[in-house]
Each structure stands twice: as C-alpha cells, then as structure tokens.
Amino acid sequence: MIISSDIELCRKKFEEIKGRRVVLKTNGGRKRIITYVGEVDYCYPNVFTVKCERNPGEFTIVSFSYVDVLTRTVRVGLVADHPAEAMEAV
C-alpha cells in the first residue's frame, strides 16, 4: 500500500533533481522496454514531466506519475554529468 507521505517524499526527490538528465525505462508491453533520456522539466502534485530530445532541436514532453516510480513500473536513473562520474557509478 502506498501512503501519501511516500508520494510527497518522491515528489521532493524529483524537485531536487529538476533540470538534471535522467534515464527512464518503462514497460511498453509484449516484452518491449521503452527508454527515455531527458531532463526533469516540471514537478506537479501527482506527476512529473521529462523533456526528451528526439532529434536535434526537436523535443518531446513525457509525463509519469510518482506512483509508477514507487511501484517500479517506471525505473529512473541519473545520467552522470562527467564521464569520470559514470565510471564511478558502475
């Protein structure tokens, strides 16, 4: 059972990483995983949006709910700002 305080804590964590690059993986059905790479754009009370660049200069806004993150329907990871940090994270 998800408690409202869990959702509030999740929202606060996304507020902290607002503007940073993230990788989101979600189930697309039929054994298909959809991966999004972008920046956390806005944090609303129940959902957050991610601004993804599909082609140079072409952006797509994708929204996810905090409940999806808490139930692990959507997996979230931070993209390292520097290659050295990426090596340390692995």
N, C-alpha and C. Protein backbone atom coordinates (compact mmCIF):
# COMPACT_ATOMS: atom_id res chain seq x y z
N MET A 1 0.84 -1.18 0.00
CA MET A 1 0.00 0.00 0.00
C MET A 1 0.89 1.25 0.00
N ILE A 2 0.57 2.18 -0.86
CA ILE A 2 1.34 3.41 -0.97
C ILE A 2 0.68 4.48 -0.12
N ILE A 3 1.46 5.10 0.73
CA ILE A 3 0.97 6.14 1.63
C ILE A 3 1.25 7.49 0.97
N SER A 4 0.40 8.47 1.24
CA SER A 4 0.56 9.79 0.62
C SER A 4 1.90 10.43 0.99
N SER A 5 2.43 10.10 2.16
CA SER A 5 3.73 10.66 2.53
C SER A 5 4.84 10.11 1.63
N ASP A 6 4.67 8.86 1.15
CA ASP A 6 5.64 8.30 0.20
C ASP A 6 5.63 9.07 -1.11
N ILE A 7 4.46 9.42 -1.57
CA ILE A 7 4.33 10.18 -2.81
C ILE A 7 4.95 11.56 -2.64
N GLU A 8 4.71 12.19 -1.48
CA GLU A 8 5.27 13.51 -1.21
C GLU A 8 6.80 13.45 -1.16
N LEU A 9 7.35 12.41 -0.55
CA LEU A 9 8.80 12.24 -0.48
C LEU A 9 9.38 12.03 -1.88
N CYS A 10 8.70 11.25 -2.69
CA CYS A 10 9.14 11.01 -4.07
C CYS A 10 9.11 12.32 -4.85
N ARG A 11 8.07 13.12 -4.68
CA ARG A 11 7.97 14.41 -5.38
C ARG A 11 9.11 15.33 -4.97
N LYS A 12 9.45 15.36 -3.70
CA LYS A 12 10.54 16.20 -3.22
C LYS A 12 11.88 15.77 -3.81
N LYS A 13 12.07 14.47 -3.97
CA LYS A 13 13.32 13.98 -4.57
C LYS A 13 13.41 14.40 -6.03
N PHE A 14 12.27 14.39 -6.73
CA PHE A 14 12.28 14.84 -8.13
C PHE A 14 12.48 16.35 -8.21
N GLU A 15 12.00 17.09 -7.23
CA GLU A 15 12.26 18.54 -7.19
C GLU A 15 13.76 18.80 -7.07
N GLU A 16 14.46 17.95 -6.30
CA GLU A 16 15.90 18.12 -6.12
C GLU A 16 16.68 17.87 -7.41
N ILE A 17 16.20 16.95 -8.24
CA ILE A 17 16.93 16.64 -9.47
C ILE A 17 16.34 17.35 -10.69
N LYS A 18 15.48 18.30 -10.46
CA LYS A 18 14.88 19.07 -11.55
C LYS A 18 15.98 19.74 -12.38
N GLY A 19 15.93 19.57 -13.69
CA GLY A 19 16.94 20.14 -14.57
C GLY A 19 18.08 19.20 -14.88
N ARG A 20 18.20 18.09 -14.15
CA ARG A 20 19.27 17.12 -14.40
C ARG A 20 18.80 16.07 -15.40
N ARG A 21 19.76 15.45 -16.08
CA ARG A 21 19.44 14.43 -17.06
C ARG A 21 19.16 13.10 -16.37
N VAL A 22 18.11 12.44 -16.83
CA VAL A 22 17.71 11.15 -16.28
C VAL A 22 17.44 10.16 -17.40
N VAL A 23 17.49 8.89 -17.04
CA VAL A 23 17.09 7.81 -17.94
C VAL A 23 15.90 7.14 -17.31
N LEU A 24 14.82 6.99 -18.07
CA LEU A 24 13.61 6.34 -17.57
C LEU A 24 13.32 5.13 -18.45
N LYS A 25 13.07 3.99 -17.82
CA LYS A 25 12.71 2.78 -18.56
C LYS A 25 11.35 2.33 -18.09
N THR A 26 10.47 2.06 -19.06
CA THR A 26 9.11 1.64 -18.75
C THR A 26 8.71 0.48 -19.64
N ASN A 27 7.75 -0.27 -19.19
CA ASN A 27 7.27 -1.42 -19.93
C ASN A 27 6.35 -0.97 -21.06
N GLY A 28 6.70 -1.36 -22.28
CA GLY A 28 5.89 -1.00 -23.44
C GLY A 28 4.93 -2.09 -23.85
N GLY A 29 4.90 -3.19 -23.10
CA GLY A 29 4.02 -4.31 -23.43
C GLY A 29 4.68 -5.28 -24.40
N ARG A 30 4.27 -6.53 -24.33
CA ARG A 30 4.79 -7.59 -25.22
C ARG A 30 6.31 -7.66 -25.18
N LYS A 31 6.88 -7.66 -23.98
CA LYS A 31 8.33 -7.80 -23.77
C LYS A 31 9.13 -6.66 -24.40
N ARG A 32 8.54 -5.49 -24.46
CA ARG A 32 9.21 -4.34 -25.04
C ARG A 32 9.45 -3.30 -23.95
N ILE A 33 10.68 -2.82 -23.85
CA ILE A 33 11.04 -1.78 -22.89
C ILE A 33 11.26 -0.48 -23.65
N ILE A 34 10.63 0.59 -23.19
CA ILE A 34 10.80 1.90 -23.80
C ILE A 34 11.73 2.70 -22.90
N THR A 35 12.77 3.28 -23.49
CA THR A 35 13.75 4.06 -22.75
C THR A 35 13.65 5.52 -23.17
N TYR A 36 13.58 6.40 -22.18
CA TYR A 36 13.57 7.84 -22.41
C TYR A 36 14.78 8.46 -21.74
N VAL A 37 15.44 9.38 -22.43
CA VAL A 37 16.56 10.13 -21.85
C VAL A 37 16.22 11.60 -22.00
N GLY A 38 16.27 12.32 -20.90
CA GLY A 38 15.94 13.74 -20.95
C GLY A 38 16.15 14.41 -19.61
N GLU A 39 15.63 15.61 -19.48
CA GLU A 39 15.77 16.39 -18.25
C GLU A 39 14.42 16.47 -17.54
N VAL A 40 14.45 16.38 -16.22
CA VAL A 40 13.23 16.57 -15.44
C VAL A 40 12.82 18.02 -15.62
N ASP A 41 11.61 18.21 -16.14
CA ASP A 41 11.15 19.55 -16.51
C ASP A 41 10.32 20.20 -15.40
N TYR A 42 9.19 19.62 -15.06
CA TYR A 42 8.31 20.16 -14.02
C TYR A 42 7.88 19.06 -13.08
N CYS A 43 7.58 19.45 -11.85
CA CYS A 43 7.07 18.52 -10.84
C CYS A 43 5.72 19.04 -10.35
N TYR A 44 4.68 18.33 -10.70
CA TYR A 44 3.33 18.68 -10.28
C TYR A 44 2.95 17.82 -9.07
N PRO A 45 1.81 18.06 -8.44
CA PRO A 45 1.46 17.28 -7.25
C PRO A 45 1.39 15.76 -7.46
N ASN A 46 0.95 15.30 -8.64
CA ASN A 46 0.81 13.86 -8.86
C ASN A 46 1.67 13.30 -9.98
N VAL A 47 2.19 14.16 -10.83
CA VAL A 47 3.01 13.71 -11.96
C VAL A 47 4.23 14.62 -12.13
N PHE A 48 5.21 14.12 -12.88
CA PHE A 48 6.35 14.94 -13.28
C PHE A 48 6.54 14.78 -14.77
N THR A 49 7.14 15.78 -15.40
CA THR A 49 7.37 15.73 -16.83
C THR A 49 8.86 15.71 -17.12
N VAL A 50 9.19 15.05 -18.21
CA VAL A 50 10.57 14.93 -18.67
C VAL A 50 10.63 15.45 -20.10
N LYS A 51 11.57 16.33 -20.36
CA LYS A 51 11.76 16.91 -21.70
C LYS A 51 12.82 16.08 -22.41
N CYS A 52 12.42 15.32 -23.42
CA CYS A 52 13.31 14.41 -24.15
C CYS A 52 13.62 14.99 -25.53
N GLU A 53 14.86 14.89 -25.94
CA GLU A 53 15.26 15.36 -27.27
C GLU A 53 15.30 14.17 -28.21
N ARG A 54 14.37 14.12 -29.15
CA ARG A 54 14.30 13.02 -30.12
C ARG A 54 15.31 13.23 -31.25
N ASN A 55 15.28 14.40 -31.86
CA ASN A 55 16.22 14.80 -32.90
C ASN A 55 16.80 16.14 -32.48
N PRO A 56 17.94 16.55 -33.02
CA PRO A 56 18.49 17.86 -32.64
C PRO A 56 17.47 18.98 -32.84
N GLY A 57 17.15 19.67 -31.77
CA GLY A 57 16.19 20.77 -31.83
C GLY A 57 14.74 20.35 -31.74
N GLU A 58 14.45 19.07 -31.65
CA GLU A 58 13.07 18.57 -31.58
C GLU A 58 12.86 17.89 -30.22
N PHE A 59 11.95 18.44 -29.42
CA PHE A 59 11.74 17.94 -28.07
C PHE A 59 10.36 17.31 -27.92
N THR A 60 10.29 16.35 -27.04
CA THR A 60 9.04 15.70 -26.68
C THR A 60 8.89 15.77 -25.17
N ILE A 61 7.70 16.09 -24.71
CA ILE A 61 7.43 16.12 -23.27
C ILE A 61 6.69 14.83 -22.92
N VAL A 62 7.23 14.10 -21.94
CA VAL A 62 6.63 12.85 -21.48
C VAL A 62 6.32 13.00 -20.00
N SER A 63 5.15 12.54 -19.58
CA SER A 63 4.79 12.65 -18.16
C SER A 63 4.69 11.27 -17.53
N PHE A 64 5.04 11.22 -16.25
CA PHE A 64 4.98 9.99 -15.48
C PHE A 64 4.41 10.33 -14.11
N SER A 65 3.77 9.37 -13.47
CA SER A 65 3.26 9.60 -12.12
C SER A 65 4.26 9.09 -11.09
N TYR A 66 4.22 9.68 -9.92
CA TYR A 66 5.10 9.25 -8.83
C TYR A 66 4.74 7.83 -8.38
N VAL A 67 3.48 7.47 -8.51
CA VAL A 67 3.04 6.13 -8.14
C VAL A 67 3.72 5.09 -9.03
N ASP A 68 3.89 5.41 -10.32
CA ASP A 68 4.59 4.50 -11.23
C ASP A 68 6.04 4.28 -10.79
N VAL A 69 6.67 5.31 -10.27
CA VAL A 69 8.05 5.19 -9.78
C VAL A 69 8.07 4.35 -8.51
N LEU A 70 7.13 4.60 -7.62
CA LEU A 70 7.09 3.86 -6.35
C LEU A 70 6.77 2.39 -6.55
N THR A 71 5.94 2.06 -7.54
CA THR A 71 5.59 0.66 -7.81
C THR A 71 6.57 0.00 -8.78
N ARG A 72 7.59 0.75 -9.18
CA ARG A 72 8.65 0.28 -10.08
C ARG A 72 8.14 -0.10 -11.47
N THR A 73 7.03 0.53 -11.87
CA THR A 73 6.57 0.40 -13.25
C THR A 73 7.49 1.21 -14.15
N VAL A 74 8.02 2.31 -13.60
CA VAL A 74 8.99 3.15 -14.29
C VAL A 74 10.27 3.13 -13.46
N ARG A 75 11.39 2.80 -14.11
CA ARG A 75 12.70 2.80 -13.45
C ARG A 75 13.41 4.09 -13.81
N VAL A 76 14.02 4.75 -12.81
CA VAL A 76 14.66 6.04 -13.02
C VAL A 76 16.12 5.94 -12.62
N GLY A 77 16.99 6.53 -13.46
CA GLY A 77 18.41 6.61 -13.16
C GLY A 77 18.95 7.96 -13.60
N LEU A 78 19.92 8.46 -12.86
CA LEU A 78 20.55 9.74 -13.21
C LEU A 78 21.66 9.50 -14.21
N VAL A 79 21.81 10.43 -15.15
CA VAL A 79 22.91 10.40 -16.11
C VAL A 79 24.04 11.22 -15.51
N ALA A 80 25.24 10.66 -15.49
CA ALA A 80 26.40 11.35 -14.92
C ALA A 80 26.74 12.58 -15.76
N ASP A 81 27.10 13.68 -15.07
CA ASP A 81 27.46 14.91 -15.75
C ASP A 81 28.82 14.81 -16.43
N HIS A 82 29.72 14.04 -15.85
CA HIS A 82 31.07 13.88 -16.37
C HIS A 82 31.36 12.40 -16.57
N PRO A 83 32.13 12.03 -17.60
CA PRO A 83 32.42 10.61 -17.83
C PRO A 83 33.08 9.93 -16.62
N ALA A 84 33.89 10.66 -15.85
CA ALA A 84 34.54 10.07 -14.68
C ALA A 84 33.49 9.63 -13.65
N GLU A 85 32.41 10.42 -13.51
CA GLU A 85 31.35 10.06 -12.58
C GLU A 85 30.62 8.82 -13.05
N ALA A 86 30.47 8.66 -14.37
CA ALA A 86 29.80 7.48 -14.90
C ALA A 86 30.62 6.23 -14.58
N MET A 87 31.92 6.33 -14.64
CA MET A 87 32.77 5.18 -14.33
C MET A 87 32.66 4.82 -12.85
N GLU A 88 32.53 5.83 -11.99
CA GLU A 88 32.42 5.57 -10.56
C GLU A 88 31.06 4.96 -10.22
N ALA A 89 30.03 5.34 -10.96
CA ALA A 89 28.69 4.85 -10.66
C ALA A 89 28.55 3.36 -11.00
N VAL A 90 29.32 2.88 -11.94
CA VAL A 90 29.23 1.47 -12.35
C VAL A 90 29.96 0.64 -11.39
